[in-house]
Amino acid sequence: MAAAKGAAVLGPTIVFRCSTRNTVYEVLKARPGLVETQDDVDWDLCWADVGWVRDMYDQIQMDDDQRLNHFPNHYELTRKDLMVKNLKRMRKQLERNDCQAEAASYCFWTGTFVLPSEYGMFVEEFKRSPGAVWIMKPIGRAQGRGIFLFNKLSQISEWKKDHRWKADQPQAEAYIAQRYVENPYLIGGKKFDLRLYVLVTSFNPLTVWLYNGGFARFSGTRYCTDRAALANPYVHLTNVAIQKKAEDYDKEVGCKWDLQSLKMFLTLKHGARAVDELFYDMQCLITRSLLSVQKSIIHDKHCFELYGYDVLVDADLKPWLLEVNASPSLSAENAADKKLKTQLISDVLDVVDLEGRLEGDEQRVGSFRLIWANGPTDTRAAGGYSTFLGTEKPRAAVDATAALPPPKTTRLQATKTMTGSPAVAGGGAAMGKGGGADGRSVCDP
């Protein structure tokens, strides 16, 4: 391929392939210097759905300067059963290595069992806490599909009879049974969870960027755990795909609150120190979960991943990891949603840096903050907690983006002469700070 006409003035032409038609596609189409292709292999950037990656990854041989938006086995973190398996394994490994304090920090998910394989163990645990509420989730579905709550074994008897549940059937669909957090933090009497965005540009060395924005997703109905309410998804499930089916759902208002507004509200209620600790704990939760899969993920220097983390906050201001999404919704529900996701994708592209503008030692790019580069880049501040999460985008970051140096030559102008690992763009000079990648010093100096 050759450079487009005028590339000498505007910078290199970058060829992208996009299998979605949401905000991602709109940002790619509007970004200067990018042109679209439908070719399966001849591109600089491929933003694909996970199905395309599953079908095509082993069939393509990527050049050094090509980028793909998923790691091949991202599901080690994003499939509900594998996420818990990896977290449990990490905790046991730390205990065996006599890292008891760090092992004790792996306590940010509730009791979880994979069914049908762990049904016996689940029943034993269920009987230890009579009347406790549990939530059932199919391991491979999203947007709240197939989820239900129960507090009696008899309530799942009909579900058990379904042939799709039986392990000896080819149609068997595994579920996880998870202890329900019954004391969620409520605002206006309603439950909410948080959607946070995390960009991983490398698993070897582990390089993690945390987006300072995000949002809280609220249920549309006041919280209650009596038996009748257990069957009401508008009480317990905050997924937009569920809530927008309610009769009184207002698309323009939605059931969301931006992360900065939530942090300000909580600070007024509980004070800055308590809320800073909460947000710092969420940052540590993210890092620890990624460390738990670091050795399982197939590292490919061509790949990056934008994860959507779902986190619940309880009444004691403790964060709980609900799940991690490899394909967080990037479709806009309203104007505020569009603004957030447009800036998010633009900042992802700035970090991935196909144009070659970054120097390699950046700690901030747009609204992303480098939080782990083969070790923590931020440590606990004296007398407080240090985190970028939930803060307003600093003006300096905006100005720095506007003042980026001219783009470097890409393969379209120099027949693939770029060198170096693309997966650690923006983080190379920070490698080795703060400790190793074994999870023993995730959040402490």
Foldseek 3Di string as FASTA:
>chain_A
DAFDPPCVPQPGAFEEEEPDDFLLVVLQVPDPRYDYDPDPAPGQEYEYDLVSLQVPVVPYDHFQRHAYADFNPPVCAFQVVNLVVLLVVLLVVCVVVVLPVLSVLSPQFFDKDKPPVCVVVVVVVLVVDQQFKKKKDFRPDDLPPPIFMDRDPVVCPVVCPPPLCDPVDPNPTMMMIGGDQQFFDDDVQWFKKWKWKKKFLWLVVTWIKTFQKTKIFIQPDGEDDPPVCRGPCSRPPRRQSVRVVDPPADLAVHRIDMLLVVLVVVCVVPNDFLSLVLVLSVVLVVLSSSLSCSVVGDTDLNYMFMKIWIWTAGPSSHIHTDGIHRCPDLHASHDVSSVVSSQVSVQVCVQLQSLAQDPQQAQDAFRIGTQDAQAGPDAQDVPHGDDSHNDDGDPVNVVCNVPTDGGDDACNHVVHPDDDRSSRRNHRVVHPPHDGSSSSGHHHD
